[in-house]
Amino acid sequence: MAFHSLRDELYCSICLNTYKEPVTLKCGHNFCFSCITSVASEKEIVHACPQCRERLDERLVFRRNINLGNIAECFRFTQPEKEESDIFCSYCLQHPVPAVKSCTHCDASLCNDHLKVHSKSEEHFFVEPKTSAEDRECSVHKKLLKYYCSEDDLSLCAECRLDEEHVGHKMGPVNVAYKKKKDELTSVQDKLVSRKEETSRRLQKLYQHQTEAQEEPSRFKLQINDLFKAIREQLKSLENRLWTEFLDYSSNVLQSVSQQIKDLEKQEKTLSCMVDDLKLLQNKMDPLVFLREWKANRDSFYEALDPKRDKDFPEVVVLNEAQIAETIHIGLRDLFIELKKMMYAPSDVTLDVDTAGNGLDVSHNLKRVSRSTMAQSRPDSPERFQCLQVISRNVFASGRHFWDVETSESGFWMVGVCYPSMDRKECQPCIGSNTKSWCLSGYNGQYSARHNGTITPLQPVTSARMRIFLLYDAGRLSFYELGDKFKHLHTFKVTFTEPLHAAFWVWDGTVTIRNDNEFCVFLCD
């Protein structure tokens, strides 16, 4: 009660609030300066103390009470008041004491002392202090709303409870319904928080994808620039080679023609001399001299007339279209091979039979895996999977790689990659069901991408041939259909933290690794 007395001593008897700028009258009573001046102004001549009614001088003299003002200000700061809405204990009749709770059952407000001795049974339900019970009373019967009808979601008083419209309905005390609804609210809140967290994660992924999409053009442009720079260099090299070959061919032809020209010029000169000699001989008039000289030169004349002595001259032509086409074809083929090596390293993937589950058959060439008709008796080892799974001997820790697989048209299979640390001894640690593996799954013509148990349905495919691209350093694993068109199926974007193995899981059907990879210019990744 000491606290209550102190609070009363700090109240102005006029405004009933804590003192503001208190002043002291001649009689010793204190009032707010604004309160006492307003009272005094209402009386023209007679002045009296509003509290003790002692008469005062006509000319009022107010003395400011500094200490009281400081105490009141300190109290107001440490105990903020809402004078107009204070709620007091219903049982403290002599001195009003602030209430700390209100009982909805008793329609009473309680201070700390009365709250301790108040009934704690279920029908007594405590809320924050309230000044009125209007919001807890039935609007018809003006009685407390003590019951709750769960079928109508309605609070009822004792009389409403007996109305025909509520007969047979499930109902109970308001506080019991409150606790149930509170628990339901907590459950909904937990689910909403979980949903919010999931939405936040999805939003972060979208932000990441947005950032990647914004950076993708620049990265793609650099890749395109590098690729076409290499293509231009290779084409320039092919052009130079064609030109060099042509120059070599032309030089050989010119050299041969030049030699033939020299030979023909010499032959022409010789023939000219013979013609001159024949003219001189033709003019000989002495028969004996003519016959003697004819005999002496006859063989040389006839030898010069022999057509066998004429040499074939090469035809001076440029490279024909067939030669050019063949050279370009060979050059472009070599160019494609070089580009293929630049973009991806085709991997000769082979299966590691030491990791194969005993329910699988692995071919002798280590290229084909299928479900076994009977359990194999392979020795148990830490590397061997207990499920229908096998991984490759190959380990990919960097670079660009691709390999092709051909699957049966029906069946249930998965192809992808996994970390070496993936659990191998559980009954079903299949690829795609955990954080350490990623795969493409086929089930009787239905396809999906899988990782950590999340299944992403994919569009139908028309070919049983698939190509798997791995860009380890860029963190991309892509699957493509090798049908009439090169069709993208799905891409995982991952920051790989371990080396990777090619992984295969077969419940039904077969999966065959193909090495006859045809070159395909591919830039999308």
Protein backbone atom coordinates (compact mmCIF):
# COMPACT_ATOMS: atom_id res chain seq x y z
CA MET A 1 0.00 0.00 0.00
CA ALA A 2 3.07 2.26 0.33
CA PHE A 3 3.24 2.55 -3.46
CA HIS A 4 -0.43 3.45 -3.58
CA SER A 5 0.03 6.17 -0.91
CA LEU A 6 2.99 7.70 -2.70
CA ARG A 7 1.03 7.79 -5.94
CA ASP A 8 -1.89 9.53 -4.17
CA GLU A 9 0.50 12.16 -2.79
CA LEU A 10 1.60 13.01 -6.28
CA TYR A 11 -1.95 13.62 -7.57
CA CYS A 12 -3.42 17.07 -8.08
CA SER A 13 -6.86 17.13 -6.39
CA ILE A 14 -8.27 19.26 -9.22
CA CYS A 15 -7.26 17.30 -12.37
CA LEU A 16 -6.59 13.99 -10.54
CA ASN A 17 -3.38 13.55 -12.54
CA THR A 18 0.26 13.64 -11.52
CA TYR A 19 1.47 17.15 -10.74
CA LYS A 20 2.68 19.31 -13.61
CA GLU A 21 4.54 22.49 -12.51
CA PRO A 22 3.14 22.25 -8.91
CA VAL A 23 2.68 25.38 -6.79
CA THR A 24 1.96 25.71 -3.02
CA LEU A 25 -0.78 27.89 -1.52
CA LYS A 26 -0.71 29.68 1.81
CA CYS A 27 -2.56 26.75 3.44
CA GLY A 28 0.17 24.30 2.36
CA HIS A 29 -1.76 22.38 -0.31
CA ASN A 30 -0.30 21.83 -3.74
CA PHE A 31 -1.90 22.08 -7.17
CA CYS A 32 -0.85 22.20 -10.80
CA PHE A 33 -0.21 25.81 -11.77
CA SER A 34 -2.64 25.64 -14.69
CA CYS A 35 -5.32 24.01 -12.50
CA ILE A 36 -5.26 26.56 -9.66
CA THR A 37 -5.11 29.56 -11.98
CA SER A 38 -8.14 28.28 -13.91
CA VAL A 39 -10.11 27.88 -10.63
CA ALA A 40 -9.08 31.29 -9.35
CA SER A 41 -10.13 33.00 -12.56
CA GLU A 42 -13.67 31.71 -12.17
CA LYS A 43 -14.09 33.64 -8.86
CA GLU A 44 -13.96 37.36 -9.08
CA ILE A 45 -13.42 38.35 -5.44
CA VAL A 46 -13.45 35.51 -2.89
CA HIS A 47 -10.58 33.03 -3.07
CA ALA A 48 -10.48 29.72 -1.15
CA CYS A 49 -8.36 26.59 -1.27
CA PRO A 50 -10.18 24.00 -3.44
CA GLN A 51 -9.13 21.27 -1.02
CA CYS A 52 -9.48 22.69 2.56
CA ARG A 53 -11.68 25.71 1.66
CA GLU A 54 -9.44 28.10 3.66
CA ARG A 55 -9.94 31.67 2.58
CA LEU A 56 -7.06 33.23 0.72
CA ASP A 57 -6.00 36.78 0.02
CA GLU A 58 -7.62 38.58 -2.83
CA ARG A 59 -4.25 38.74 -4.52
CA LEU A 60 -3.16 35.12 -4.84
CA VAL A 61 0.50 34.41 -4.39
CA PHE A 62 1.77 31.07 -5.78
CA ARG A 63 5.06 29.62 -4.64
CA ARG A 64 6.55 27.07 -7.00
CA ASN A 65 7.26 23.70 -5.30
CA ILE A 66 10.47 22.67 -7.10
CA ASN A 67 11.15 19.48 -5.14
CA LEU A 68 7.60 18.18 -5.59
CA GLY A 69 7.76 19.01 -9.27
CA ASN A 70 11.01 17.04 -9.66
CA ILE A 71 9.57 14.05 -7.78
CA ALA A 72 6.39 14.09 -9.90
CA GLU A 73 8.38 14.32 -13.13
CA CYS A 74 10.63 11.43 -12.10
CA PHE A 75 7.59 9.35 -11.14
CA ARG A 76 5.88 10.15 -14.43
CA PHE A 77 9.01 9.04 -16.34
CA THR A 78 9.50 5.74 -14.47
CA GLN A 79 5.79 4.91 -14.14
CA PRO A 80 4.09 6.09 -17.35
CA GLU A 81 0.45 6.62 -16.74
CA LYS A 82 -2.69 6.46 -18.79
CA GLU A 83 -4.91 8.17 -16.33
CA GLU A 84 -8.07 7.94 -18.38
CA SER A 85 -7.76 4.20 -19.02
CA ASP A 86 -6.42 2.95 -15.64
CA ILE A 87 -8.19 -0.19 -14.47
CA PHE A 88 -8.31 -0.92 -10.76
CA CYS A 89 -8.84 -4.05 -8.74
CA SER A 90 -12.53 -4.87 -8.22
CA TYR A 91 -11.85 -6.08 -4.66
CA CYS A 92 -9.69 -3.22 -3.35
CA LEU A 93 -12.51 -0.96 -2.21
CA GLN A 94 -10.79 1.34 0.29
CA HIS A 95 -7.89 2.34 -1.94
CA PRO A 96 -7.90 1.80 -5.73
CA VAL A 97 -5.08 -0.52 -6.77
CA PRO A 98 -4.16 -1.03 -10.46
CA ALA A 99 -5.34 -4.37 -11.84
CA VAL A 100 -2.90 -6.74 -13.56
CA LYS A 101 -5.46 -9.22 -14.99
CA SER A 102 -9.18 -9.55 -15.61
CA CYS A 103 -11.12 -12.80 -15.10
CA THR A 104 -13.57 -13.40 -17.95
CA HIS A 105 -15.57 -15.85 -15.82
CA CYS A 106 -16.11 -13.52 -12.88
CA ASP A 107 -16.11 -10.30 -14.89
CA ALA A 108 -13.68 -8.87 -12.35
CA SER A 109 -10.29 -7.17 -12.45
CA LEU A 110 -7.59 -8.30 -10.04
CA CYS A 111 -4.47 -6.81 -8.51
CA ASN A 112 -1.44 -9.00 -7.84
CA ASP A 113 -2.58 -9.91 -4.31
CA HIS A 114 -6.12 -10.93 -5.31
CA LEU A 115 -4.85 -12.72 -8.44
CA LYS A 116 -2.79 -15.05 -6.22
CA VAL A 117 -5.86 -16.20 -4.23
CA HIS A 118 -8.30 -16.25 -7.16
CA SER A 119 -9.59 -19.60 -8.43
CA LYS A 120 -7.40 -21.17 -11.12
CA SER A 121 -9.96 -23.67 -12.39
CA GLU A 122 -10.50 -24.00 -16.15
CA GLU A 123 -13.64 -21.86 -16.31
CA HIS A 124 -11.71 -18.94 -14.82
CA PHE A 125 -9.77 -17.47 -17.71
CA PHE A 126 -7.48 -14.47 -17.33
CA VAL A 127 -6.86 -11.73 -19.88
CA GLU A 128 -5.31 -8.29 -19.88
CA PRO A 129 -7.21 -5.81 -17.64
CA LYS A 130 -10.44 -4.56 -19.19
CA THR A 131 -12.63 -1.66 -18.10
CA SER A 132 -15.86 -3.11 -19.40
CA ALA A 133 -17.39 -6.47 -20.06
CA GLU A 134 -19.42 -5.24 -23.03
CA ASP A 135 -17.21 -7.06 -25.53
CA ARG A 136 -17.59 -10.24 -23.45
CA GLU A 137 -21.34 -10.06 -22.91
CA CYS A 138 -24.10 -11.58 -25.01
CA SER A 139 -25.81 -8.78 -26.94
CA VAL A 140 -29.19 -10.44 -26.36
CA HIS A 141 -29.11 -11.70 -22.75
CA LYS A 142 -26.40 -9.38 -21.39
CA LYS A 143 -24.61 -12.30 -19.79
CA LEU A 144 -20.98 -13.32 -20.01
CA LEU A 145 -19.95 -15.35 -23.07
CA LYS A 146 -18.62 -18.44 -21.30
CA TYR A 147 -19.10 -21.11 -23.99
CA TYR A 148 -17.97 -21.67 -27.55
CA CYS A 149 -19.83 -23.61 -30.26
CA SER A 150 -17.18 -25.17 -32.53
CA GLU A 151 -19.71 -26.02 -35.26
CA ASP A 152 -20.94 -22.42 -35.61
CA ASP A 153 -17.65 -20.77 -34.58
CA LEU A 154 -19.64 -18.67 -32.12
CA SER A 155 -19.26 -17.60 -28.46
CA LEU A 156 -22.38 -18.15 -26.32
CA CYS A 157 -23.75 -17.27 -22.91
CA ALA A 158 -25.48 -19.84 -20.69
CA GLU A 159 -28.92 -19.07 -22.12
CA CYS A 160 -27.77 -19.04 -25.76
CA ARG A 161 -26.30 -22.46 -25.12
CA LEU A 162 -29.81 -23.82 -24.58
CA ASP A 163 -31.26 -22.37 -27.80
CA GLU A 164 -32.66 -24.88 -30.27
CA GLU A 165 -30.28 -23.81 -33.01
CA HIS A 166 -27.32 -24.97 -30.89
CA VAL A 167 -28.80 -28.16 -29.44
CA GLY A 168 -26.61 -31.16 -30.25
CA HIS A 169 -23.67 -29.00 -31.26
CA LYS A 170 -20.25 -29.63 -29.88
CA MET A 171 -19.39 -26.88 -27.42
CA GLY A 172 -17.30 -26.23 -24.35
CA PRO A 173 -15.82 -23.47 -22.19
CA VAL A 174 -14.40 -20.47 -24.03
CA ASN A 175 -10.97 -20.90 -22.48
CA VAL A 176 -10.78 -24.54 -23.66
CA ALA A 177 -11.69 -23.46 -27.19
CA TYR A 178 -9.19 -20.66 -26.87
CA LYS A 179 -6.40 -23.09 -26.04
CA LYS A 180 -7.35 -25.39 -28.91
CA LYS A 181 -7.53 -22.52 -31.37
CA LYS A 182 -4.27 -21.20 -29.99
CA ASP A 183 -2.64 -24.59 -30.65
CA GLU A 184 -4.19 -24.63 -34.12
CA LEU A 185 -2.89 -21.13 -34.71
CA THR A 186 0.57 -22.22 -33.57
CA SER A 187 0.47 -25.14 -36.01
CA VAL A 188 -0.64 -22.87 -38.84
CA GLN A 189 2.03 -20.37 -37.88
CA ASP A 190 4.72 -23.06 -37.94
CA LYS A 191 3.55 -24.20 -41.35
CA LEU A 192 3.47 -20.63 -42.62
CA VAL A 193 6.98 -20.03 -41.29
CA SER A 194 8.13 -23.20 -43.04
CA ARG A 195 6.36 -22.10 -46.21
CA LYS A 196 7.93 -18.66 -45.91
CA GLU A 197 11.40 -20.18 -45.48
CA GLU A 198 10.84 -22.41 -48.52
CA THR A 199 9.62 -19.40 -50.49
CA SER A 200 12.69 -17.48 -49.38
CA ARG A 201 14.93 -20.33 -50.56
CA ARG A 202 13.15 -20.43 -53.90
CA LEU A 203 13.42 -16.66 -54.12
CA GLN A 204 17.16 -16.83 -53.44
CA LYS A 205 17.49 -19.43 -56.19
CA LEU A 206 15.58 -17.15 -58.53
CA TYR A 207 17.85 -14.25 -57.55
CA GLN A 208 20.83 -16.50 -58.28
CA HIS A 209 19.32 -17.55 -61.62
CA GLN A 210 18.62 -13.90 -62.39
CA THR A 211 22.24 -13.02 -61.68
CA GLU A 212 23.44 -15.93 -63.80
CA ALA A 213 21.06 -14.93 -66.58
CA GLN A 214 22.41 -11.38 -66.45
CA GLU A 215 25.99 -12.65 -66.57
CA GLU A 216 25.24 -15.32 -69.18
CA PRO A 217 25.37 -13.01 -72.26
CA SER A 218 28.85 -11.78 -71.37
CA ARG A 219 30.12 -15.30 -70.71
CA PHE A 220 28.43 -16.58 -73.84
CA LYS A 221 29.87 -13.73 -75.90
CA LEU A 222 33.40 -14.53 -74.70
CA GLN A 223 32.90 -18.20 -75.51
CA ILE A 224 31.51 -17.36 -78.97
CA ASN A 225 34.38 -14.95 -79.60
CA ASP A 226 36.99 -17.53 -78.60
CA LEU A 227 35.33 -20.25 -80.65
CA PHE A 228 34.97 -18.22 -83.83
CA LYS A 229 38.43 -16.80 -83.40
CA ALA A 230 39.69 -20.37 -83.43
CA ILE A 231 37.45 -21.15 -86.42
CA ARG A 232 38.80 -18.12 -88.31
CA GLU A 233 42.36 -19.14 -87.50
CA GLN A 234 41.71 -22.67 -88.68
CA LEU A 235 39.96 -21.46 -91.84
CA LYS A 236 42.81 -19.04 -92.52
CA SER A 237 45.25 -21.91 -92.11
CA LEU A 238 43.15 -24.01 -94.52
CA GLU A 239 43.04 -21.12 -96.99
CA ASN A 240 46.81 -20.68 -96.78
CA ARG A 241 47.31 -24.40 -97.26
CA LEU A 242 45.09 -24.42 -100.34
CA TRP A 243 46.95 -21.42 -101.73
CA THR A 244 50.32 -23.00 -100.98
CA GLU A 245 49.31 -26.24 -102.64
CA PHE A 246 48.10 -24.31 -105.66
CA LEU A 247 51.32 -22.31 -105.84
CA ASP A 248 53.39 -25.49 -105.59
CA TYR A 249 51.33 -27.10 -108.32
CA SER A 250 51.52 -24.01 -110.51
CA SER A 251 55.26 -23.71 -109.93
CA ASN A 252 55.82 -27.31 -110.99
CA VAL A 253 53.74 -26.78 -114.11
CA LEU A 254 55.60 -23.58 -114.97
CA GLN A 255 58.96 -25.24 -114.44
CA SER A 256 58.00 -28.13 -116.72
CA VAL A 257 56.63 -25.77 -119.39
CA SER A 258 59.75 -23.64 -119.27
CA GLN A 259 61.94 -26.67 -119.88
CA GLN A 260 59.74 -27.79 -122.74
CA ILE A 261 59.96 -24.34 -124.26
CA LYS A 262 63.73 -24.51 -124.16
CA ASP A 263 63.69 -27.96 -125.75
CA LEU A 264 61.29 -26.86 -128.46
CA GLU A 265 63.26 -23.70 -129.17
CA LYS A 266 66.37 -25.83 -129.61
CA GLN A 267 64.44 -28.28 -131.82
CA GLU A 268 63.03 -25.41 -133.85
CA LYS A 269 66.50 -24.02 -134.42
CA THR A 270 67.77 -27.41 -135.50
CA LEU A 271 64.89 -27.86 -137.90
CA SER A 272 65.49 -24.39 -139.36
CA CYS A 273 69.08 -25.34 -140.05
CA MET A 274 67.97 -28.57 -141.71
CA VAL A 275 65.49 -26.69 -143.87
CA ASP A 276 68.27 -24.34 -144.98
CA ASP A 277 70.54 -27.30 -145.73
CA LEU A 278 67.81 -28.95 -147.75
CA LYS A 279 67.35 -25.77 -149.80
CA LEU A 280 71.06 -25.68 -150.59
CA LEU A 281 71.07 -29.34 -151.48
CA GLN A 282 68.03 -28.80 -153.66
CA ASN A 283 70.03 -26.27 -155.69
CA LYS A 284 72.92 -28.66 -156.44
CA MET A 285 73.13 -29.26 -160.17
CA ASP A 286 75.85 -31.90 -160.14
CA PRO A 287 74.20 -35.30 -159.75
CA LEU A 288 77.17 -36.95 -158.10
CA VAL A 289 77.57 -34.18 -155.54
CA PHE A 290 73.84 -34.18 -154.81
CA LEU A 291 73.71 -37.94 -154.29
CA ARG A 292 76.78 -37.91 -152.07
CA GLU A 293 75.50 -35.14 -149.80
CA TRP A 294 71.99 -36.59 -149.66
CA LYS A 295 73.35 -39.89 -148.53
CA ALA A 296 75.43 -38.18 -145.88
CA ASN A 297 72.44 -36.20 -144.39
CA ARG A 298 69.55 -38.45 -145.21
CA ASP A 299 69.41 -40.24 -141.82
CA SER A 300 69.41 -36.98 -139.86
CA PHE A 301 66.64 -35.59 -142.02
CA TYR A 302 64.40 -38.63 -141.52
CA GLU A 303 65.23 -38.81 -137.83
CA ALA A 304 64.01 -35.25 -137.43
CA LEU A 305 60.76 -36.29 -139.07
CA ASP A 306 60.14 -39.14 -136.54
CA PRO A 307 57.02 -38.18 -134.41
CA LYS A 308 58.33 -40.25 -131.52
CA ARG A 309 60.83 -37.53 -130.84
CA ASP A 310 58.00 -35.08 -129.95
CA LYS A 311 57.44 -34.74 -126.16
CA ASP A 312 54.00 -34.41 -124.49
CA PHE A 313 53.46 -31.00 -123.00
CA PRO A 314 51.54 -30.69 -119.66
CA GLU A 315 48.21 -28.96 -119.83
CA VAL A 316 48.44 -25.65 -118.01
CA VAL A 317 45.30 -25.59 -115.80
CA VAL A 318 44.44 -24.57 -112.24
CA LEU A 319 43.14 -27.00 -109.61
CA ASN A 320 39.82 -28.45 -110.69
CA GLU A 321 36.64 -28.34 -108.55
CA ALA A 322 36.97 -31.94 -107.41
CA GLN A 323 40.47 -31.32 -106.09
CA ILE A 324 39.39 -28.15 -104.33
CA ALA A 325 36.35 -29.84 -102.78
CA GLU A 326 38.44 -32.78 -101.57
CA THR A 327 41.04 -30.52 -100.02
CA ILE A 328 38.40 -28.38 -98.31
CA HIS A 329 36.54 -31.48 -97.07
CA ILE A 330 39.69 -32.88 -95.50
CA GLY A 331 40.55 -29.47 -94.05
CA LEU A 332 37.10 -28.94 -92.53
CA ARG A 333 37.08 -32.44 -91.13
CA ASP A 334 40.37 -31.75 -89.37
CA LEU A 335 39.00 -28.37 -88.26
CA PHE A 336 35.90 -29.99 -86.70
CA ILE A 337 38.05 -32.52 -84.91
CA GLU A 338 40.18 -29.74 -83.45
CA LEU A 339 37.10 -27.73 -82.42
CA LYS A 340 35.60 -30.80 -80.82
CA LYS A 341 38.74 -31.21 -78.74
CA MET A 342 38.61 -27.52 -77.82
CA MET A 343 34.99 -27.65 -76.63
CA TYR A 344 34.64 -31.07 -75.03
CA ALA A 345 36.82 -34.06 -74.42
CA PRO A 346 34.87 -37.16 -75.53
CA SER A 347 35.30 -39.62 -72.71
CA ASP A 348 35.74 -43.35 -73.17
CA VAL A 349 33.57 -44.24 -70.19
CA THR A 350 33.85 -47.80 -68.88
CA LEU A 351 32.03 -49.44 -65.97
CA ASP A 352 33.80 -50.46 -62.76
CA VAL A 353 32.52 -53.97 -62.08
CA ASP A 354 34.00 -53.81 -58.57
CA THR A 355 31.28 -51.29 -57.70
CA ALA A 356 28.38 -53.11 -59.38
CA GLY A 357 25.56 -54.37 -57.19
CA ASN A 358 25.00 -58.12 -57.29
CA GLY A 359 21.64 -57.60 -58.98
CA LEU A 360 23.31 -56.27 -62.16
CA ASP A 361 24.91 -57.86 -65.21
CA VAL A 362 27.93 -56.01 -66.63
CA SER A 363 29.15 -56.89 -70.14
CA HIS A 364 32.73 -58.07 -70.80
CA ASN A 365 33.60 -54.86 -72.61
CA LEU A 366 32.35 -52.88 -69.56
CA LYS A 367 29.98 -50.86 -71.74
CA ARG A 368 26.58 -52.40 -71.02
CA VAL A 369 24.62 -52.88 -67.77
CA SER A 370 21.28 -54.61 -67.24
CA ARG A 371 19.21 -56.21 -64.48
CA SER A 372 20.43 -59.73 -63.78
CA THR A 373 18.03 -62.67 -63.83
CA MET A 374 19.87 -64.14 -60.86
CA ALA A 375 21.98 -62.63 -58.11
CA GLN A 376 25.69 -62.46 -58.83
CA SER A 377 28.23 -63.73 -56.30
CA ARG A 378 30.71 -60.89 -56.47
CA PRO A 379 32.86 -60.42 -53.34
CA ASP A 380 31.68 -57.81 -50.89
CA SER A 381 33.86 -54.71 -50.59
CA PRO A 382 33.54 -51.12 -49.36
CA GLU A 383 33.31 -49.96 -52.99
CA ARG A 384 30.39 -52.20 -53.97
CA PHE A 385 26.82 -50.87 -54.02
CA GLN A 386 24.10 -52.85 -52.30
CA CYS A 387 21.50 -51.56 -54.74
CA LEU A 388 21.19 -51.92 -58.54
CA GLN A 389 23.89 -49.40 -59.24
CA VAL A 390 27.35 -49.18 -60.80
CA ILE A 391 29.74 -46.29 -61.43
CA SER A 392 32.48 -45.67 -63.95
CA ARG A 393 36.19 -46.23 -63.65
CA ASN A 394 36.56 -42.71 -64.98
CA VAL A 395 36.95 -39.86 -62.52
CA PHE A 396 36.16 -36.30 -63.61
CA ALA A 397 37.74 -33.59 -61.47
CA SER A 398 38.04 -30.77 -64.03
CA GLY A 399 37.52 -29.88 -67.68
CA ARG A 400 34.75 -30.57 -70.21
CA HIS A 401 33.52 -34.05 -71.00
CA PHE A 402 30.66 -35.85 -72.72
CA TRP A 403 29.55 -39.41 -73.29
CA ASP A 404 26.54 -41.04 -74.96
CA VAL A 405 24.22 -43.70 -73.60
CA GLU A 406 21.55 -45.76 -75.32
CA THR A 407 18.67 -47.10 -73.27
CA SER A 408 15.97 -49.67 -73.82
CA GLU A 409 12.64 -48.24 -74.96
CA SER A 410 10.89 -49.55 -71.84
CA GLY A 411 12.07 -50.21 -68.31
CA PHE A 412 13.22 -48.15 -65.36
CA TRP A 413 16.77 -46.71 -65.38
CA MET A 414 18.80 -43.70 -64.28
CA VAL A 415 21.99 -42.21 -65.72
CA GLY A 416 24.03 -39.36 -64.26
CA VAL A 417 26.97 -38.63 -61.98
CA CYS A 418 27.78 -39.02 -58.29
CA TYR A 419 30.51 -38.29 -55.76
CA PRO A 420 32.81 -41.14 -54.66
CA SER A 421 31.63 -40.51 -51.08
CA MET A 422 28.02 -41.43 -51.88
CA ASP A 423 26.68 -44.05 -49.45
CA ARG A 424 26.91 -47.51 -51.02
CA LYS A 425 25.61 -49.80 -48.28
CA GLU A 426 22.02 -48.66 -47.88
CA CYS A 427 19.41 -50.76 -49.62
CA GLN A 428 18.26 -47.95 -51.92
CA PRO A 429 20.86 -45.15 -52.14
CA CYS A 430 20.04 -44.72 -55.84
CA ILE A 431 21.43 -41.77 -57.72
CA GLY A 432 19.27 -38.66 -57.54
CA SER A 433 17.92 -39.52 -54.09
CA ASN A 434 20.59 -37.63 -52.13
CA THR A 435 22.77 -34.51 -52.17
CA LYS A 436 25.72 -36.34 -53.73
CA SER A 437 24.23 -37.38 -57.07
CA TRP A 438 22.38 -35.98 -60.09
CA CYS A 439 20.63 -37.98 -62.80
CA LEU A 440 18.19 -38.33 -65.68
CA SER A 441 15.54 -40.99 -65.05
CA GLY A 442 13.44 -42.93 -67.55
CA TYR A 443 10.41 -44.97 -66.60
CA ASN A 444 8.47 -46.58 -69.47
CA GLY A 445 8.74 -43.47 -71.63
CA GLN A 446 8.35 -40.92 -68.81
CA TYR A 447 11.45 -38.84 -68.09
CA SER A 448 12.52 -36.72 -65.13
CA ALA A 449 15.57 -35.05 -63.62
CA ARG A 450 16.40 -36.01 -60.02
CA HIS A 451 18.55 -34.63 -57.22
CA ASN A 452 18.24 -34.96 -53.43
CA GLY A 453 14.84 -36.60 -53.80
CA THR A 454 13.43 -33.72 -55.86
CA ILE A 455 11.86 -34.96 -59.12
CA THR A 456 11.48 -32.56 -62.05
CA PRO A 457 9.25 -33.98 -64.84
CA LEU A 458 10.60 -33.52 -68.38
CA GLN A 459 9.06 -33.42 -71.84
CA PRO A 460 8.70 -36.75 -73.71
CA VAL A 461 11.58 -37.82 -75.94
CA THR A 462 11.55 -39.76 -79.21
CA SER A 463 15.06 -41.22 -79.16
CA ALA A 464 16.64 -43.80 -76.87
CA ARG A 465 20.02 -42.11 -77.33
CA MET A 466 21.13 -39.55 -74.74
CA ARG A 467 24.20 -37.38 -74.46
CA ILE A 468 25.57 -36.25 -71.11
CA PHE A 469 27.67 -33.09 -70.98
CA LEU A 470 29.76 -32.26 -67.92
CA LEU A 471 31.44 -28.88 -67.44
CA TYR A 472 33.07 -29.55 -64.08
CA ASP A 473 34.70 -26.17 -63.47
CA ALA A 474 31.59 -24.25 -64.58
CA GLY A 475 29.39 -26.50 -62.40
CA ARG A 476 27.02 -27.67 -65.15
CA LEU A 477 25.63 -31.11 -65.89
CA SER A 478 23.38 -31.25 -68.98
CA PHE A 479 21.33 -33.97 -70.66
CA TYR A 480 20.38 -33.99 -74.35
CA GLU A 481 18.35 -36.18 -76.64
CA LEU A 482 20.19 -37.39 -79.75
CA GLY A 483 17.26 -37.80 -82.12
CA ASP A 484 16.46 -36.07 -85.38
CA LYS A 485 17.34 -32.89 -83.53
CA PHE A 486 19.79 -32.17 -80.76
CA LYS A 487 17.25 -31.47 -77.97
CA HIS A 488 18.09 -30.07 -74.53
CA LEU A 489 16.35 -31.95 -71.69
CA HIS A 490 17.69 -30.54 -68.43
CA THR A 491 20.69 -28.79 -66.87
CA PHE A 492 21.83 -28.94 -63.24
CA LYS A 493 23.83 -25.95 -61.98
CA VAL A 494 26.08 -27.07 -59.12
CA THR A 495 29.28 -26.05 -57.38
CA PHE A 496 30.98 -29.44 -57.35
CA THR A 497 33.04 -30.15 -54.22
CA GLU A 498 34.34 -33.64 -55.09
CA PRO A 499 35.43 -35.52 -58.21
CA LEU A 500 32.64 -37.20 -60.13
CA HIS A 501 31.95 -40.68 -61.51
CA ALA A 502 29.48 -41.49 -64.26
CA ALA A 503 26.72 -43.45 -62.50
CA PHE A 504 24.11 -45.95 -63.73
CA TRP A 505 21.08 -47.48 -61.98
CA VAL A 506 18.94 -50.12 -63.69
CA TRP A 507 15.81 -51.69 -62.29
CA ASP A 508 14.54 -52.96 -65.60
CA GLY A 509 15.89 -52.71 -69.15
CA THR A 510 19.43 -51.95 -70.31
CA VAL A 511 21.82 -49.03 -70.57
CA THR A 512 24.69 -49.11 -73.08
CA ILE A 513 27.59 -46.66 -73.27
CA ARG A 514 28.29 -45.58 -76.86
CA ASN A 515 31.66 -44.26 -78.04
CA ASP A 516 30.82 -43.57 -81.69
CA ASN A 517 30.19 -39.93 -80.86
CA GLU A 518 29.41 -37.84 -83.90
CA PHE A 519 30.68 -34.30 -83.80
CA CYS A 520 28.06 -31.76 -82.86
CA VAL A 521 28.79 -28.06 -82.60
CA PHE A 522 27.27 -27.11 -79.29
CA LEU A 523 27.52 -23.72 -77.66
CA CYS A 524 24.49 -23.42 -75.38
CA ASP A 525 26.44 -24.48 -72.33
